[in-house]
Amino acid sequence: MYWEQTAAMRVENENSTFQDIKRGVRKGCVLSPDLLSLYSEIIMRNLENHPGIKVSGHNINNLRYVDDTVLIAENKEDLQKLLNIVKKESR
């Protein structure tokens, strides 16, 4: 997104060395909301065929509102599978 970007942190009035920024979007960038929506949708679509809970005959394994996501499963094993998929797809 941004080429050759670097950043440093300030802790107790001392700056760290500059580090290369390898990925991400600048805070306040106008693209941030659109990119979040796009990537979140892609990740969640990869969960569609995985177990969740049944509600009126529909499989539900995630609930989303703005930038919050809840993963839903009937047991720990299925929840871990969902988490693993999200982790893999988020890289």
PDB file of N, CA and C in Angstrom:
ATOM      1  N   MET A   1       0.822  -1.193   0.000  1.00  0.00           N
ATOM      2  CA  MET A   1       0.000   0.000   0.000  1.00  0.00           C
ATOM      3  C   MET A   1       0.863   1.252   0.000  1.00  0.00           C
ATOM      4  N   TYR A   2       1.840   1.309   0.867  1.00  0.00           N
ATOM      5  CA  TYR A   2       2.759   2.448   0.918  1.00  0.00           C
ATOM      6  C   TYR A   2       4.163   1.908   0.724  1.00  0.00           C
ATOM      7  N   TRP A   3       4.923   2.517  -0.137  1.00  0.00           N
ATOM      8  CA  TRP A   3       6.266   2.032  -0.446  1.00  0.00           C
ATOM      9  C   TRP A   3       7.302   2.715   0.433  1.00  0.00           C
ATOM     10  N   GLU A   4       8.264   1.931   0.886  1.00  0.00           N
ATOM     11  CA  GLU A   4       9.414   2.424   1.635  1.00  0.00           C
ATOM     12  C   GLU A   4       9.020   3.278   2.839  1.00  0.00           C
ATOM     13  N   GLN A   5       8.079   2.800   3.626  1.00  0.00           N
ATOM     14  CA  GLN A   5       7.640   3.504   4.827  1.00  0.00           C
ATOM     15  C   GLN A   5       8.419   3.005   6.037  1.00  0.00           C
ATOM     16  N   THR A   6       8.737   3.913   6.949  1.00  0.00           N
ATOM     17  CA  THR A   6       9.395   3.550   8.196  1.00  0.00           C
ATOM     18  C   THR A   6       8.675   4.232   9.350  1.00  0.00           C
ATOM     19  N   ALA A   7       8.906   3.718  10.538  1.00  0.00           N
ATOM     20  CA  ALA A   7       8.291   4.314  11.728  1.00  0.00           C
ATOM     21  C   ALA A   7       9.205   4.078  12.923  1.00  0.00           C
ATOM     22  N   ALA A   8       9.094   4.961  13.898  1.00  0.00           N
ATOM     23  CA  ALA A   8       9.825   4.822  15.156  1.00  0.00           C
ATOM     24  C   ALA A   8       8.842   5.052  16.288  1.00  0.00           C
ATOM     25  N   MET A   9       9.160   4.529  17.462  1.00  0.00           N
ATOM     26  CA  MET A   9       8.321   4.743  18.640  1.00  0.00           C
ATOM     27  C   MET A   9       9.049   5.671  19.597  1.00  0.00           C
ATOM     28  N   ARG A  10       8.280   6.432  20.336  1.00  0.00           N
ATOM     29  CA  ARG A  10       8.857   7.279  21.372  1.00  0.00           C
ATOM     30  C   ARG A  10       8.395   6.748  22.721  1.00  0.00           C
ATOM     31  N   VAL A  11       9.359   6.410  23.567  1.00  0.00           N
ATOM     32  CA  VAL A  11       9.075   5.924  24.914  1.00  0.00           C
ATOM     33  C   VAL A  11       9.904   6.755  25.882  1.00  0.00           C
ATOM     34  N   GLU A  12       9.224   7.394  26.813  1.00  0.00           N
ATOM     35  CA  GLU A  12       9.881   8.245  27.809  1.00  0.00           C
ATOM     36  C   GLU A  12      10.851   9.230  27.157  1.00  0.00           C
ATOM     37  N   ASN A  13      10.356   9.937  26.152  1.00  0.00           N
ATOM     38  CA  ASN A  13      11.101  10.979  25.432  1.00  0.00           C
ATOM     39  C   ASN A  13      12.325  10.481  24.673  1.00  0.00           C
ATOM     40  N   GLU A  14      12.418   9.197  24.429  1.00  0.00           N
ATOM     41  CA  GLU A  14      13.505   8.652  23.612  1.00  0.00           C
ATOM     42  C   GLU A  14      12.913   7.928  22.422  1.00  0.00           C
ATOM     43  N   ASN A  15      13.459   8.213  21.236  1.00  0.00           N
ATOM     44  CA  ASN A  15      12.997   7.567  20.013  1.00  0.00           C
ATOM     45  C   ASN A  15      13.731   6.254  19.787  1.00  0.00           C
ATOM     46  N   SER A  16      12.995   5.256  19.336  1.00  0.00           N
ATOM     47  CA  SER A  16      13.613   3.993  18.948  1.00  0.00           C
ATOM     48  C   SER A  16      14.249   4.173  17.571  1.00  0.00           C
ATOM     49  N   THR A  17      14.939   3.150  17.114  1.00  0.00           N
ATOM     50  CA  THR A  17      15.448   3.195  15.747  1.00  0.00           C
ATOM     51  C   THR A  17      14.273   3.024  14.790  1.00  0.00           C
ATOM     52  N   PHE A  18      14.415   3.533  13.584  1.00  0.00           N
ATOM     53  CA  PHE A  18      13.355   3.405  12.594  1.00  0.00           C
ATOM     54  C   PHE A  18      13.297   1.968  12.081  1.00  0.00           C
ATOM     55  N   GLN A  19      12.081   1.472  11.914  1.00  0.00           N
ATOM     56  CA  GLN A  19      11.830   0.122  11.418  1.00  0.00           C
ATOM     57  C   GLN A  19      11.028   0.216  10.129  1.00  0.00           C
ATOM     58  N   ASP A  20      11.283  -0.700   9.210  1.00  0.00           N
ATOM     59  CA  ASP A  20      10.496  -0.750   7.981  1.00  0.00           C
ATOM     60  C   ASP A  20       9.088  -1.234   8.295  1.00  0.00           C
ATOM     61  N   ILE A  21       8.107  -0.620   7.664  1.00  0.00           N
ATOM     62  CA  ILE A  21       6.714  -1.056   7.792  1.00  0.00           C
ATOM     63  C   ILE A  21       6.427  -1.939   6.589  1.00  0.00           C
ATOM     64  N   LYS A  22       6.124  -3.196   6.855  1.00  0.00           N
ATOM     65  CA  LYS A  22       5.967  -4.156   5.773  1.00  0.00           C
ATOM     66  C   LYS A  22       4.535  -4.264   5.251  1.00  0.00           C
ATOM     67  N   ARG A  23       3.557  -3.922   6.091  1.00  0.00           N
ATOM     68  CA  ARG A  23       2.165  -4.016   5.646  1.00  0.00           C
ATOM     69  C   ARG A  23       1.299  -3.142   6.528  1.00  0.00           C
ATOM     70  N   GLY A  24       0.057  -2.954   6.091  1.00  0.00           N
ATOM     71  CA  GLY A  24      -0.876  -2.164   6.881  1.00  0.00           C
ATOM     72  C   GLY A  24      -1.310  -0.910   6.147  1.00  0.00           C
ATOM     73  N   VAL A  25      -2.167  -0.170   6.785  1.00  0.00           N
ATOM     74  CA  VAL A  25      -2.705   1.066   6.227  1.00  0.00           C
ATOM     75  C   VAL A  25      -2.518   2.144   7.277  1.00  0.00           C
ATOM     76  N   ARG A  26      -2.139   3.314   6.848  1.00  0.00           N
ATOM     77  CA  ARG A  26      -1.943   4.410   7.791  1.00  0.00           C
ATOM     78  C   ARG A  26      -3.233   4.731   8.532  1.00  0.00           C
ATOM     79  N   LYS A  27      -3.075   5.092   9.795  1.00  0.00           N
ATOM     80  CA  LYS A  27      -4.223   5.503  10.597  1.00  0.00           C
ATOM     81  C   LYS A  27      -4.871   6.719   9.937  1.00  0.00           C
ATOM     82  N   GLY A  28      -6.175   6.667   9.791  1.00  0.00           N
ATOM     83  CA  GLY A  28      -6.902   7.773   9.188  1.00  0.00           C
ATOM     84  C   GLY A  28      -6.981   7.721   7.676  1.00  0.00           C
ATOM     85  N   CYS A  29      -6.388   6.707   7.059  1.00  0.00           N
ATOM     86  CA  CYS A  29      -6.428   6.589   5.601  1.00  0.00           C
ATOM     87  C   CYS A  29      -7.880   6.398   5.150  1.00  0.00           C
ATOM     88  N   VAL A  30      -8.262   7.090   4.087  1.00  0.00           N
ATOM     89  CA  VAL A  30      -9.648   7.002   3.607  1.00  0.00           C
ATOM     90  C   VAL A  30      -9.986   5.607   3.084  1.00  0.00           C
ATOM     91  N   LEU A  31      -8.979   4.807   2.771  1.00  0.00           N
ATOM     92  CA  LEU A  31      -9.224   3.446   2.287  1.00  0.00           C
ATOM     93  C   LEU A  31      -9.479   2.446   3.409  1.00  0.00           C
ATOM     94  N   SER A  32      -9.138   2.793   4.637  1.00  0.00           N
ATOM     95  CA  SER A  32      -9.229   1.843   5.751  1.00  0.00           C
ATOM     96  C   SER A  32     -10.586   1.166   5.885  1.00  0.00           C
ATOM     97  N   PRO A  33     -11.700   1.908   5.930  1.00  0.00           N
ATOM     98  CA  PRO A  33     -12.997   1.235   6.097  1.00  0.00           C
ATOM     99  C   PRO A  33     -13.328   0.284   4.952  1.00  0.00           C
ATOM    100  N   ASP A  34     -13.017   0.691   3.727  1.00  0.00           N
ATOM    101  CA  ASP A  34     -13.316  -0.166   2.579  1.00  0.00           C
ATOM    102  C   ASP A  34     -12.452  -1.421   2.574  1.00  0.00           C
ATOM    103  N   LEU A  35     -11.171  -1.265   2.891  1.00  0.00           N
ATOM    104  CA  LEU A  35     -10.287  -2.428   2.933  1.00  0.00           C
ATOM    105  C   LEU A  35     -10.686  -3.385   4.042  1.00  0.00           C
ATOM    106  N   LEU A  36     -11.066  -2.854   5.202  1.00  0.00           N
ATOM    107  CA  LEU A  36     -11.523  -3.702   6.303  1.00  0.00           C
ATOM    108  C   LEU A  36     -12.753  -4.497   5.881  1.00  0.00           C
ATOM    109  N   SER A  37     -13.713  -3.845   5.259  1.00  0.00           N
ATOM    110  CA  SER A  37     -14.927  -4.531   4.807  1.00  0.00           C
ATOM    111  C   SER A  37     -14.605  -5.609   3.783  1.00  0.00           C
ATOM    112  N   LEU A  38     -13.757  -5.282   2.839  1.00  0.00           N
ATOM    113  CA  LEU A  38     -13.397  -6.226   1.786  1.00  0.00           C
ATOM    114  C   LEU A  38     -12.698  -7.458   2.350  1.00  0.00           C
ATOM    115  N   TYR A  39     -11.655  -7.255   3.137  1.00  0.00           N
ATOM    116  CA  TYR A  39     -10.904  -8.386   3.680  1.00  0.00           C
ATOM    117  C   TYR A  39     -11.735  -9.193   4.674  1.00  0.00           C
ATOM    118  N   SER A  40     -12.525  -8.527   5.492  1.00  0.00           N
ATOM    119  CA  SER A  40     -13.377  -9.243   6.450  1.00  0.00           C
ATOM    120  C   SER A  40     -14.375 -10.130   5.719  1.00  0.00           C
ATOM    121  N   GLU A  41     -14.961  -9.606   4.661  1.00  0.00           N
ATOM    122  CA  GLU A  41     -15.938 -10.380   3.894  1.00  0.00           C
ATOM    123  C   GLU A  41     -15.291 -11.611   3.272  1.00  0.00           C
ATOM    124  N   ILE A  42     -14.114 -11.453   2.718  1.00  0.00           N
ATOM    125  CA  ILE A  42     -13.410 -12.591   2.111  1.00  0.00           C
ATOM    126  C   ILE A  42     -13.108 -13.655   3.162  1.00  0.00           C
ATOM    127  N   ILE A  43     -12.603 -13.242   4.308  1.00  0.00           N
ATOM    128  CA  ILE A  43     -12.273 -14.190   5.379  1.00  0.00           C
ATOM    129  C   ILE A  43     -13.528 -14.911   5.856  1.00  0.00           C
ATOM    130  N   MET A  44     -14.608 -14.181   6.088  1.00  0.00           N
ATOM    131  CA  MET A  44     -15.828 -14.793   6.614  1.00  0.00           C
ATOM    132  C   MET A  44     -16.494 -15.707   5.589  1.00  0.00           C
ATOM    133  N   ARG A  45     -16.366 -15.412   4.322  1.00  0.00           N
ATOM    134  CA  ARG A  45     -16.932 -16.308   3.303  1.00  0.00           C
ATOM    135  C   ARG A  45     -16.243 -17.664   3.317  1.00  0.00           C
ATOM    136  N   ASN A  46     -14.990 -17.690   3.726  1.00  0.00           N
ATOM    137  CA  ASN A  46     -14.281 -18.965   3.828  1.00  0.00           C
ATOM    138  C   ASN A  46     -14.764 -19.804   5.005  1.00  0.00           C
ATOM    139  N   LEU A  47     -15.593 -19.233   5.860  1.00  0.00           N
ATOM    140  CA  LEU A  47     -16.167 -19.971   6.992  1.00  0.00           C
ATOM    141  C   LEU A  47     -17.550 -20.541   6.675  1.00  0.00           C
ATOM    142  N   GLU A  48     -18.135 -20.152   5.548  1.00  0.00           N
ATOM    143  CA  GLU A  48     -19.532 -20.488   5.251  1.00  0.00           C
ATOM    144  C   GLU A  48     -19.865 -21.965   5.358  1.00  0.00           C
ATOM    145  N   ASN A  49     -18.982 -22.837   4.933  1.00  0.00           N
ATOM    146  CA  ASN A  49     -19.281 -24.270   4.914  1.00  0.00           C
ATOM    147  C   ASN A  49     -18.773 -25.011   6.138  1.00  0.00           C
ATOM    148  N   HIS A  50     -18.462 -24.281   7.186  1.00  0.00           N
ATOM    149  CA  HIS A  50     -17.959 -24.904   8.411  1.00  0.00           C
ATOM    150  C   HIS A  50     -19.030 -24.853   9.494  1.00  0.00           C
ATOM    151  N   PRO A  51     -18.968 -25.775  10.461  1.00  0.00           N
ATOM    152  CA  PRO A  51     -20.013 -25.873  11.476  1.00  0.00           C
ATOM    153  C   PRO A  51     -20.173 -24.616  12.318  1.00  0.00           C
ATOM    154  N   GLY A  52     -21.408 -24.409  12.725  1.00  0.00           N
ATOM    155  CA  GLY A  52     -21.752 -23.334  13.640  1.00  0.00           C
ATOM    156  C   GLY A  52     -22.920 -23.816  14.481  1.00  0.00           C
ATOM    157  N   ILE A  53     -23.930 -22.986  14.607  1.00  0.00           N
ATOM    158  CA  ILE A  53     -25.167 -23.396  15.267  1.00  0.00           C
ATOM    159  C   ILE A  53     -26.303 -23.237  14.268  1.00  0.00           C
ATOM    160  N   LYS A  54     -27.362 -23.992  14.463  1.00  0.00           N
ATOM    161  CA  LYS A  54     -28.521 -23.911  13.577  1.00  0.00           C
ATOM    162  C   LYS A  54     -29.535 -22.929  14.145  1.00  0.00           C
ATOM    163  N   VAL A  55     -29.935 -21.983  13.325  1.00  0.00           N
ATOM    164  CA  VAL A  55     -30.971 -21.019  13.686  1.00  0.00           C
ATOM    165  C   VAL A  55     -31.971 -21.001  12.539  1.00  0.00           C
ATOM    166  N   SER A  56     -33.186 -21.460  12.802  1.00  0.00           N
ATOM    167  CA  SER A  56     -34.231 -21.553  11.776  1.00  0.00           C
ATOM    168  C   SER A  56     -33.739 -22.269  10.522  1.00  0.00           C
ATOM    169  N   GLY A  57     -32.977 -23.329  10.731  1.00  0.00           N
ATOM    170  CA  GLY A  57     -32.487 -24.125   9.614  1.00  0.00           C
ATOM    171  C   GLY A  57     -31.245 -23.584   8.930  1.00  0.00           C
ATOM    172  N   HIS A  58     -30.740 -22.458   9.375  1.00  0.00           N
ATOM    173  CA  HIS A  58     -29.542 -21.859   8.778  1.00  0.00           C
ATOM    174  C   HIS A  58     -28.336 -22.075   9.687  1.00  0.00           C
ATOM    175  N   ASN A  59     -27.197 -22.381   9.075  1.00  0.00           N
ATOM    176  CA  ASN A  59     -25.952 -22.534   9.825  1.00  0.00           C
ATOM    177  C   ASN A  59     -25.361 -21.145  10.080  1.00  0.00           C
ATOM    178  N   ILE A  60     -25.160 -20.804  11.339  1.00  0.00           N
ATOM    179  CA  ILE A  60     -24.580 -19.515  11.724  1.00  0.00           C
ATOM    180  C   ILE A  60     -23.292 -19.796  12.487  1.00  0.00           C
ATOM    181  N   ASN A  61     -22.159 -19.305  11.969  1.00  0.00           N
ATOM    182  CA  ASN A  61     -20.904 -19.493  12.696  1.00  0.00           C
ATOM    183  C   ASN A  61     -20.179 -18.178  12.969  1.00  0.00           C
ATOM    184  N   ASN A  62     -20.786 -17.068  12.543  1.00  0.00           N
ATOM    185  CA  ASN A  62     -20.199 -15.777  12.884  1.00  0.00           C
ATOM    186  C   ASN A  62     -21.265 -14.691  12.851  1.00  0.00           C
ATOM    187  N   LEU A  63     -21.065 -13.701  13.694  1.00  0.00           N
ATOM    188  CA  LEU A  63     -21.896 -12.498  13.710  1.00  0.00           C
ATOM    189  C   LEU A  63     -20.948 -11.317  13.599  1.00  0.00           C
ATOM    190  N   ARG A  64     -21.315 -10.340  12.759  1.00  0.00           N
ATOM    191  CA  ARG A  64     -20.437  -9.184  12.559  1.00  0.00           C
ATOM    192  C   ARG A  64     -21.234  -7.896  12.642  1.00  0.00           C
ATOM    193  N   TYR A  65     -20.593  -6.904  13.219  1.00  0.00           N
ATOM    194  CA  TYR A  65     -21.151  -5.557  13.252  1.00  0.00           C
ATOM    195  C   TYR A  65     -19.979  -4.588  13.192  1.00  0.00           C
ATOM    196  N   VAL A  66     -19.912  -3.807  12.154  1.00  0.00           N
ATOM    197  CA  VAL A  66     -18.842  -2.846  11.891  1.00  0.00           C
ATOM    198  C   VAL A  66     -17.491  -3.564  11.966  1.00  0.00           C
ATOM    199  N   ASP A  67     -16.696  -3.323  13.014  1.00  0.00           N
ATOM    200  CA  ASP A  67     -15.386  -3.970  13.097  1.00  0.00           C
ATOM    201  C   ASP A  67     -15.319  -5.022  14.201  1.00  0.00           C
ATOM    202  N   ASP A  68     -16.470  -5.483  14.662  1.00  0.00           N
ATOM    203  CA  ASP A  68     -16.535  -6.532  15.686  1.00  0.00           C
ATOM    204  C   ASP A  68     -17.009  -7.836  15.051  1.00  0.00           C
ATOM    205  N   THR A  69     -16.398  -8.936  15.451  1.00  0.00           N
ATOM    206  CA  THR A  69     -16.777 -10.251  14.941  1.00  0.00           C
ATOM    207  C   THR A  69     -16.858 -11.233  16.100  1.00  0.00           C
ATOM    208  N   VAL A  70     -17.904 -12.062  16.098  1.00  0.00           N
ATOM    209  CA  VAL A  70     -18.059 -13.134  17.075  1.00  0.00           C
ATOM    210  C   VAL A  70     -18.120 -14.439  16.293  1.00  0.00           C
ATOM    211  N   LEU A  71     -17.275 -15.398  16.662  1.00  0.00           N
ATOM    212  CA  LEU A  71     -17.333 -16.729  16.072  1.00  0.00           C
ATOM    213  C   LEU A  71     -18.173 -17.611  16.980  1.00  0.00           C
ATOM    214  N   ILE A  72     -19.014 -18.462  16.375  1.00  0.00           N
ATOM    215  CA  ILE A  72     -19.962 -19.277  17.134  1.00  0.00           C
ATOM    216  C   ILE A  72     -19.819 -20.739  16.719  1.00  0.00           C
ATOM    217  N   ALA A  73     -19.737 -21.618  17.710  1.00  0.00           N
ATOM    218  CA  ALA A  73     -19.673 -23.052  17.444  1.00  0.00           C
ATOM    219  C   ALA A  73     -20.335 -23.785  18.600  1.00  0.00           C
ATOM    220  N   GLU A  74     -20.685 -25.040  18.361  1.00  0.00           N
ATOM    221  CA  GLU A  74     -21.335 -25.836  19.400  1.00  0.00           C
ATOM    222  C   GLU A  74     -20.349 -26.443  20.380  1.00  0.00           C
ATOM    223  N   ASN A  75     -19.074 -26.523  20.012  1.00  0.00           N
ATOM    224  CA  ASN A  75     -18.079 -27.109  20.916  1.00  0.00           C
ATOM    225  C   ASN A  75     -16.715 -26.462  20.679  1.00  0.00           C
ATOM    226  N   LYS A  76     -15.789 -26.753  21.592  1.00  0.00           N
ATOM    227  CA  LYS A  76     -14.451 -26.145  21.527  1.00  0.00           C
ATOM    228  C   LYS A  76     -13.704 -26.518  20.252  1.00  0.00           C
ATOM    229  N   GLU A  77     -13.854 -27.756  19.837  1.00  0.00           N
ATOM    230  CA  GLU A  77     -13.124 -28.231  18.661  1.00  0.00           C
ATOM    231  C   GLU A  77     -13.551 -27.473  17.408  1.00  0.00           C
ATOM    232  N   ASP A  78     -14.863 -27.306  17.231  1.00  0.00           N
ATOM    233  CA  ASP A  78     -15.355 -26.572  16.061  1.00  0.00           C
ATOM    234  C   ASP A  78     -14.961 -25.099  16.129  1.00  0.00           C
ATOM    235  N   LEU A  79     -14.989 -24.529  17.328  1.00  0.00           N
ATOM    236  CA  LEU A  79     -14.572 -23.138  17.485  1.00  0.00           C
ATOM    237  C   LEU A  79     -13.094 -22.987  17.138  1.00  0.00           C
ATOM    238  N   GLN A  80     -12.276 -23.942  17.566  1.00  0.00           N
ATOM    239  CA  GLN A  80     -10.846 -23.885  17.244  1.00  0.00           C
ATOM    240  C   GLN A  80     -10.628 -23.971  15.742  1.00  0.00           C
ATOM    241  N   LYS A  81     -11.423 -24.798  15.047  1.00  0.00           N
ATOM    242  CA  LYS A  81     -11.321 -24.891  13.588  1.00  0.00           C
ATOM    243  C   LYS A  81     -11.616 -23.539  12.946  1.00  0.00           C
ATOM    244  N   LEU A  82     -12.661 -22.867  13.432  1.00  0.00           N
ATOM    245  CA  LEU A  82     -13.001 -21.542  12.901  1.00  0.00           C
ATOM    246  C   LEU A  82     -11.864 -20.551  13.148  1.00  0.00           C
ATOM    247  N   LEU A  83     -11.324 -20.567  14.359  1.00  0.00           N
ATOM    248  CA  LEU A  83     -10.208 -19.669  14.686  1.00  0.00           C
ATOM    249  C   LEU A  83      -8.998 -19.931  13.797  1.00  0.00           C
ATOM    250  N   ASN A  84      -8.712 -21.196  13.546  1.00  0.00           N
ATOM    251  CA  ASN A  84      -7.575 -21.543  12.692  1.00  0.00           C
ATOM    252  C   ASN A  84      -7.769 -21.027  11.271  1.00  0.00           C
ATOM    253  N   ILE A  85      -8.990 -21.116  10.769  1.00  0.00           N
ATOM    254  CA  ILE A  85      -9.275 -20.616   9.424  1.00  0.00           C
ATOM    255  C   ILE A  85      -9.093 -19.103   9.374  1.00  0.00           C
ATOM    256  N   VAL A  86      -9.635 -18.405  10.362  1.00  0.00           N
ATOM    257  CA  VAL A  86      -9.496 -16.944  10.398  1.00  0.00           C
ATOM    258  C   VAL A  86      -8.021 -16.561  10.480  1.00  0.00           C
ATOM    259  N   LYS A  87      -7.281 -17.258  11.316  1.00  0.00           N
ATOM    260  CA  LYS A  87      -5.849 -16.965  11.461  1.00  0.00           C
ATOM    261  C   LYS A  87      -5.114 -17.183  10.142  1.00  0.00           C
ATOM    262  N   LYS A  88      -5.389 -18.308   9.491  1.00  0.00           N
ATOM    263  CA  LYS A  88      -4.730 -18.624   8.219  1.00  0.00           C
ATOM    264  C   LYS A  88      -5.080 -17.588   7.153  1.00  0.00           C
ATOM    265  N   GLU A  89      -6.344 -17.245   7.044  1.00  0.00           N
ATOM    266  CA  GLU A  89      -6.791 -16.312   6.010  1.00  0.00           C
ATOM    267  C   GLU A  89      -6.358 -14.876   6.281  1.00  0.00           C
ATOM    268  N   SER A  90      -6.015 -14.577   7.523  1.00  0.00           N
ATOM    269  CA  SER A  90      -5.631 -13.208   7.885  1.00  0.00           C
ATOM    270  C   SER A  90      -4.174 -12.899   7.575  1.00  0.00           C
ATOM    271  N   ARG A  91      -3.422 -13.880   7.195  1.00  0.00           N
ATOM    272  CA  ARG A  91      -1.989 -13.649   6.927  1.00  0.00           C
ATOM    273  C   ARG A  91      -1.760 -13.055   5.575  1.00  0.00           C
TER     274      ARG A  91
END
